Protein backbone atom coordinates (compact mmCIF):
# COMPACT_ATOMS: atom_id res chain seq x y z
CA UNK A 1 -0.04 -0.02 -0.02
CA UNK A 2 2.73 2.53 0.97
CA UNK A 3 6.04 3.24 -0.61
CA UNK A 4 8.24 0.16 -0.73
CA UNK A 5 11.18 1.92 0.96
CA UNK A 6 11.43 1.73 4.68
CA UNK A 7 9.26 4.20 6.52
CA UNK A 8 10.51 6.22 9.50
CA UNK A 9 8.97 8.48 12.07
CA UNK A 10 8.62 12.23 11.24
CA UNK A 11 11.66 13.64 12.99
CA UNK A 12 9.98 16.55 14.72
CA UNK A 13 7.62 14.32 16.83
CA UNK A 14 8.11 14.41 20.57
CA UNK A 15 9.68 11.22 21.85
CA UNK A 16 8.98 8.66 23.02
CA UNK A 17 6.55 8.64 20.17
CA UNK A 18 4.41 5.81 21.75
CA UNK A 19 3.29 8.08 24.50
CA UNK A 20 3.47 11.46 22.85
CA UNK A 21 1.85 10.85 19.54
CA UNK A 22 -1.63 9.65 18.65
CA UNK A 23 -2.53 9.21 15.03
CA UNK A 24 -6.23 10.12 15.33
CA UNK A 25 -7.16 13.13 17.33
CA UNK A 26 -10.89 12.05 17.52
CA UNK A 27 -11.54 10.03 20.65
CA UNK A 28 -13.46 7.18 19.05
CA UNK A 29 -13.50 5.12 22.22
CA UNK A 30 -12.13 5.06 25.79
CA UNK A 31 -10.69 2.16 27.81
CA UNK A 32 -13.96 1.91 29.73
CA UNK A 33 -16.02 1.35 26.60
CA UNK A 34 -17.29 -2.22 25.88
CA UNK A 35 -14.93 -3.64 23.28
CA UNK A 36 -17.76 -5.61 21.65
CA UNK A 37 -20.15 -2.61 21.25
CA UNK A 38 -19.55 0.25 18.86
CA UNK A 39 -19.42 3.64 20.49
CA UNK A 40 -21.65 6.50 19.39
CA UNK A 41 -18.65 8.26 17.77
CA UNK A 42 -17.71 5.07 15.90
CA UNK A 43 -21.27 4.71 14.71
CA UNK A 44 -21.30 8.29 13.56
CA UNK A 45 -18.13 7.90 11.51
CA UNK A 46 -19.16 4.51 10.11
CA UNK A 47 -22.28 6.26 8.80
CA UNK A 48 -20.07 9.05 7.26
CA UNK A 49 -18.11 6.39 5.34
CA UNK A 50 -21.31 4.50 4.39
CA UNK A 51 -22.82 7.72 2.98
CA UNK A 52 -19.80 8.16 0.80
CA UNK A 53 -20.10 4.88 -0.93
CA UNK A 54 -22.53 6.02 -3.72
CA UNK A 55 -20.19 8.78 -4.80
CA UNK A 56 -17.20 6.43 -4.83
CA UNK A 57 -19.18 3.88 -6.66
CA UNK A 58 -20.18 6.38 -9.37
CA UNK A 59 -16.58 7.47 -9.91
CA UNK A 60 -15.49 3.89 -10.19
CA UNK A 61 -18.18 3.00 -12.66
CA UNK A 62 -16.88 5.50 -15.14
CA UNK A 63 -13.19 4.59 -14.80
CA UNK A 64 -12.24 3.73 -18.41
CA UNK A 65 -8.92 2.08 -17.38
CA UNK A 66 -10.74 -0.85 -15.65
CA UNK A 67 -12.44 -3.58 -17.56
CA UNK A 68 -15.96 -4.32 -16.41
CA UNK A 69 -15.88 -1.16 -14.26
CA UNK A 70 -19.62 -0.99 -13.49
CA UNK A 71 -19.60 -4.64 -12.33
CA UNK A 72 -16.43 -4.13 -10.11
CA UNK A 73 -17.80 -0.88 -8.79
CA UNK A 74 -20.91 -2.81 -7.56
CA UNK A 75 -18.61 -5.28 -5.92
CA UNK A 76 -16.73 -2.54 -4.23
CA UNK A 77 -19.94 -0.93 -2.84
CA UNK A 78 -21.31 -4.27 -1.62
CA UNK A 79 -17.95 -5.43 -0.07
CA UNK A 80 -17.15 -2.10 1.68
CA UNK A 81 -20.71 -1.62 2.82
CA UNK A 82 -20.74 -5.11 4.41
CA UNK A 83 -17.44 -4.39 6.23
CA UNK A 84 -18.88 -1.15 7.61
CA UNK A 85 -22.04 -2.88 8.85
CA UNK A 86 -19.87 -5.55 10.44
CA UNK A 87 -18.15 -2.85 12.41
CA UNK A 88 -21.46 -1.68 13.76
CA UNK A 89 -22.21 -5.17 15.08
CA UNK A 90 -18.61 -5.94 16.20
CA UNK A 91 -16.09 -3.15 16.34
CA UNK A 92 -13.17 -5.57 16.72
CA UNK A 93 -13.94 -7.21 13.31
CA UNK A 94 -11.68 -6.43 10.34
CA UNK A 95 -8.76 -5.30 12.36
CA UNK A 96 -10.82 -2.84 14.49
CA UNK A 97 -11.92 -0.97 16.47
CA UNK A 98 -12.42 1.40 13.60
CA UNK A 99 -10.97 4.89 13.28
CA UNK A 100 -10.38 7.28 10.38
CA UNK A 101 -7.13 5.59 9.24
CA UNK A 102 -8.61 2.03 9.28
CA UNK A 103 -11.76 3.10 7.54
CA UNK A 104 -9.82 4.89 4.75
CA UNK A 105 -7.37 2.02 4.37
CA UNK A 106 -9.98 -0.70 4.04
CA UNK A 107 -11.74 1.41 1.43
CA UNK A 108 -8.51 1.87 -0.60
CA UNK A 109 -7.60 -1.88 -0.16
CA UNK A 110 -11.02 -2.94 -1.69
CA UNK A 111 -10.71 -0.50 -4.59
CA UNK A 112 -7.15 -1.56 -5.39
CA UNK A 113 -7.89 -5.29 -5.16
CA UNK A 114 -10.69 -4.77 -7.76
CA UNK A 115 -8.28 -2.98 -10.10
CA UNK A 116 -9.15 0.65 -9.37
CA UNK A 117 -5.97 2.64 -8.98
CA UNK A 118 -7.18 6.23 -9.29
CA UNK A 119 -10.97 6.71 -9.74
CA UNK A 120 -10.72 10.41 -9.31
CA UNK A 121 -8.06 10.88 -12.10
CA UNK A 122 -10.38 12.38 -14.58
CA UNK A 123 -11.90 15.04 -12.28
CA UNK A 124 -8.37 15.82 -10.80
CA UNK A 125 -6.95 16.63 -14.28
CA UNK A 126 -10.00 18.70 -15.17
CA UNK A 127 -9.83 20.66 -11.92
CA UNK A 128 -6.08 21.09 -12.21
CA UNK A 129 -6.44 22.52 -15.71
CA UNK A 130 -9.17 24.94 -14.57
CA UNK A 131 -7.20 26.06 -11.47
CA UNK A 132 -4.02 26.61 -13.53
CA UNK A 133 -5.96 29.01 -15.85
CA UNK A 134 -7.01 31.02 -12.75
CA UNK A 135 -3.62 31.01 -11.01
CA UNK A 136 -2.25 34.26 -12.43
CA UNK A 137 -5.34 36.23 -11.42
CA UNK A 138 -5.43 34.87 -7.91
CA UNK A 139 -1.70 35.76 -7.41
CA UNK A 140 -2.16 39.23 -8.87
CA UNK A 141 -5.15 39.95 -6.57
CA UNK A 142 -3.00 38.98 -3.53
CA UNK A 143 0.00 40.91 -4.73
CA UNK A 144 -2.18 43.98 -5.01
CA UNK A 145 -2.86 43.97 -1.27
CA UNK A 146 -0.06 46.25 0.01
CA UNK A 147 -0.72 45.77 3.71
CA UNK A 148 1.32 42.62 4.65
CA UNK A 149 -1.03 41.49 7.47
CA UNK A 150 -4.08 41.80 5.23
CA UNK A 151 -2.28 40.05 2.39
CA UNK A 152 -1.37 37.17 4.70
CA UNK A 153 -4.90 36.88 5.93
CA UNK A 154 -6.18 36.75 2.32
CA UNK A 155 -3.71 33.99 1.60
CA UNK A 156 -4.82 31.89 4.55
CA UNK A 157 -8.45 32.42 3.58
CA UNK A 158 -7.45 31.12 0.08
CA UNK A 159 -6.04 27.99 1.73
CA UNK A 160 -9.38 27.48 3.56
CA UNK A 161 -11.49 28.22 0.43
CA UNK A 162 -9.36 25.75 -1.62
CA UNK A 163 -9.62 22.99 0.90
CA UNK A 164 -13.43 23.01 0.48
CA UNK A 165 -12.84 21.14 -2.83
CA UNK A 166 -12.57 17.75 -1.17
CA UNK A 167 -14.49 14.97 -2.85
CA UNK A 168 -14.07 12.65 0.01
CA UNK A 169 -17.05 14.20 1.59
CA UNK A 170 -20.41 12.80 0.31
CA UNK A 171 -22.10 16.13 0.70
CA UNK A 172 -19.47 18.10 -1.10
CA UNK A 173 -19.11 15.47 -3.77
CA UNK A 174 -22.82 15.87 -4.45
CA UNK A 175 -22.67 19.59 -4.65
CA UNK A 176 -19.62 19.39 -6.90
CA UNK A 177 -21.37 16.89 -9.15
CA UNK A 178 -24.59 18.90 -9.34
CA UNK A 179 -23.60 22.51 -9.38
CA UNK A 180 -19.76 22.69 -9.63
CA UNK A 181 -17.80 24.77 -7.24
CA UNK A 182 -16.34 28.23 -7.61
CA UNK A 183 -13.13 29.24 -5.89
CA UNK A 184 -14.02 32.85 -5.74
CA UNK A 185 -17.51 32.09 -4.38
CA UNK A 186 -15.89 29.83 -1.76
CA UNK A 187 -13.66 32.63 -0.64
CA UNK A 188 -16.62 35.04 -0.29
CA UNK A 189 -18.68 32.48 1.67
CA UNK A 190 -16.12 31.72 4.26
CA UNK A 191 -17.22 32.03 7.84
CA UNK A 192 -16.13 35.48 9.03
CA UNK A 193 -13.65 35.81 11.80
CA UNK A 194 -13.37 35.03 14.66
CA UNK A 195 -13.30 31.43 13.72
CA UNK A 196 -13.96 28.52 16.13
CA UNK A 197 -10.22 28.16 16.53
CA UNK A 198 -8.56 31.43 15.53
CA UNK A 199 -4.83 31.86 16.06
CA UNK A 200 -4.37 33.99 12.95
CA UNK A 201 -3.28 37.12 14.83
CA UNK A 202 -0.54 35.19 16.70
CA UNK A 203 0.50 33.69 13.27
CA UNK A 204 0.72 37.20 11.82
CA UNK A 205 3.06 38.39 14.65
CA UNK A 206 5.40 35.39 13.98
CA UNK A 207 5.12 35.93 10.22
CA UNK A 208 6.28 39.54 10.50
CA UNK A 209 9.43 38.46 12.29
CA UNK A 210 10.38 36.23 9.30
CA UNK A 211 12.33 33.85 11.36
CA UNK A 212 11.37 30.69 9.45
CA UNK A 213 14.16 29.32 7.26
CA UNK A 214 12.42 26.10 6.25
CA UNK A 215 8.75 25.31 5.99
CA UNK A 216 7.19 21.88 5.39
CA UNK A 217 3.65 21.82 3.97
CA UNK A 218 1.70 18.61 3.85
CA UNK A 219 -0.66 19.28 0.85
CA UNK A 220 -4.08 17.79 0.31
CA UNK A 221 -6.42 18.03 -2.64
CA UNK A 222 -5.80 18.60 -6.37
CA UNK A 223 -7.27 21.58 -8.23
CA UNK A 224 -8.12 24.79 -6.44
CA UNK A 225 -6.80 23.47 -3.09
CA UNK A 226 -3.21 23.07 -4.18
CA UNK A 227 -3.06 25.48 -7.06
CA UNK A 228 -5.06 28.43 -5.85
CA UNK A 229 -4.74 27.83 -2.08
CA UNK A 230 -1.35 26.41 -1.28
CA UNK A 231 0.84 27.74 -4.13
CA UNK A 232 0.06 31.43 -3.56
CA UNK A 233 0.83 30.91 0.10
CA UNK A 234 4.07 29.02 -0.61
CA UNK A 235 5.11 31.60 -3.15
CA UNK A 236 4.78 34.32 -0.48
CA UNK A 237 7.00 32.21 1.89
CA UNK A 238 9.60 31.93 -0.93
CA UNK A 239 9.44 35.69 -1.45
CA UNK A 240 10.18 36.14 2.28
CA UNK A 241 13.27 34.03 1.94
CA UNK A 242 12.17 30.71 3.30
CA UNK A 243 12.85 27.27 1.84
CA UNK A 244 9.51 25.44 1.19
CA UNK A 245 9.03 21.65 1.12
CA UNK A 246 5.76 20.47 -0.27
CA UNK A 247 4.96 16.90 0.84
CA UNK A 248 2.46 14.97 -1.29
CA UNK A 249 1.00 11.42 -1.29
CA UNK A 250 2.95 8.60 -2.87
CA UNK A 251 -0.17 6.93 -4.19
CA UNK A 252 -3.61 8.23 -5.32
CA UNK A 253 -6.32 8.47 -2.72
CA UNK A 254 -9.64 10.34 -3.33
CA UNK A 255 -8.80 13.56 -5.14
CA UNK A 256 -5.56 14.24 -3.18
CA UNK A 257 -2.66 15.39 -5.29
CA UNK A 258 0.15 12.86 -5.66
CA UNK A 259 3.93 13.45 -5.73
CA UNK A 260 4.08 12.81 -9.41
CA UNK A 261 1.12 15.11 -10.18
CA UNK A 262 2.55 17.87 -8.06
CA UNK A 263 5.75 17.93 -9.96
CA UNK A 264 3.76 18.14 -13.22
CA UNK A 265 1.63 21.05 -11.83
CA UNK A 266 4.72 22.94 -10.86
CA UNK A 267 6.13 22.66 -14.27
CA UNK A 268 3.03 24.15 -15.75
CA UNK A 269 2.93 27.02 -13.27
CA UNK A 270 6.57 28.12 -13.84
CA UNK A 271 7.31 30.60 -16.48
CA UNK A 272 10.15 30.40 -19.07
CA UNK A 273 12.60 31.51 -16.44
CA UNK A 274 11.61 28.84 -13.95
CA UNK A 275 9.92 31.39 -11.70
CA UNK A 276 6.46 31.33 -10.01
CA UNK A 277 4.93 34.69 -11.12
CA UNK A 278 8.25 36.50 -10.72
CA UNK A 279 9.41 34.63 -7.58
CA UNK A 280 12.47 32.31 -7.72
CA UNK A 281 11.63 28.75 -7.13
CA UNK A 282 15.09 27.36 -6.42
CA UNK A 283 14.08 26.96 -2.73
CA UNK A 284 10.98 25.09 -3.55
CA UNK A 285 11.26 21.45 -3.02
CA UNK A 286 8.72 18.57 -3.57
CA UNK A 287 8.87 15.41 -1.30
CA UNK A 288 7.17 12.15 -1.59
CA UNK A 289 5.54 11.62 1.90
CA UNK A 290 5.25 7.84 1.36
CA UNK A 291 1.52 8.08 2.32
CA UNK A 292 -1.33 6.48 0.33
CA UNK A 293 -4.36 7.72 2.32
CA UNK A 294 -6.27 11.00 2.71
CA UNK A 295 -5.05 11.10 6.40
CA UNK A 296 -1.51 10.60 7.52
CA UNK A 297 0.23 8.64 10.16
CA UNK A 298 3.31 10.72 11.06
CA UNK A 299 5.01 7.78 12.74
CA UNK A 300 5.42 6.37 9.17
CA UNK A 301 6.76 8.85 6.49
CA UNK A 302 9.30 8.36 3.75
CA UNK A 303 13.01 8.71 4.60
CA UNK A 304 13.46 11.44 2.07
CA UNK A 305 10.74 13.63 3.77
CA UNK A 306 12.17 12.82 7.17
CA UNK A 307 15.58 13.98 6.08
CA UNK A 308 14.20 17.20 4.52
CA UNK A 309 12.00 17.99 7.50
CA UNK A 310 14.73 17.37 10.20
CA UNK A 311 15.72 21.15 10.36
CA UNK A 312 12.27 22.61 9.56
CA UNK A 313 11.17 25.71 11.58
CA UNK A 314 7.47 25.40 10.62
CA UNK A 315 5.29 22.49 9.69
CA UNK A 316 1.80 23.01 8.15
CA UNK A 317 -0.69 20.08 7.79
CA UNK A 318 -3.34 21.24 5.40
CA UNK A 319 -6.40 19.09 5.35
CA UNK A 320 -4.77 16.28 7.42
CA UNK A 321 -5.22 17.57 10.85
CA UNK A 322 -7.79 14.91 11.68
CA UNK A 323 -5.05 12.29 11.92
CA UNK A 324 -2.46 14.32 13.92
CA UNK A 325 -1.93 15.10 17.57
CA UNK A 326 1.43 16.35 18.85
CA UNK A 327 2.63 19.50 20.50
CA UNK A 328 6.08 19.61 19.03
CA UNK A 329 5.23 20.55 15.45
């Protein structure tokens, strides 16, 4: 499932990792819970994954790279649905108790066993092309904001707006399929500050000091997320003199951008001088995280990423916070 090379722990985790790092931040169950009975939280998340099956099945049915795709898509829906129902009856079945990582991994295992490597490939390519055509305008709008604090806030809002384009959510996938989604509209419809968790003012103060020499960003979705959200932000970091490492998945999962796809996107965004809208990219690096899921276990990353991140001053996990808990990063 993951990269064949040996995986190692992310070097900035507190040690000992066994007691300081937990992959999933959501408390699915507690030691006092009955091991044979699914908890309310587990049931809620099982239903989230059950509700996503129709959209995944629809994507799989239209995968032209797979023979008998509709038949195999039906097998996927039945097999995965049965596993999820089994979890409701016995949370210890299928390697449980279930959490976000296990539920995602079982879904990917079934898809790949049935021959589906990348059922979101078509929509990713379409959204990447669309976002690339809008990149110049988004960057110019950001650059036109003279006040640095306001420009930073606009860049952060762009990351939030871009991350809405996540087809792993059944509700968002339905909206996307029915009406399409606009990046500019997503920006305008963001919840106004203060947000539920709002540390932006503190981040602005640290940003102004420009003390970060190396920033590692774990990227998420293809299309508007990476191109219109992350790249303008990464470009601003480069302009401030920081080295930026973008960490992307090794293998396809939902509409997440992969390492290979990210390299291709950067090549298309650069101008004839190898710059990103006038900003030098010699300090922009791309790393294969070794991951193959829409969430990440930081106790298992690629050796290359671990090496590049060993001296990082700032780590940003965009869209993957649900599988991360550690106070050292």
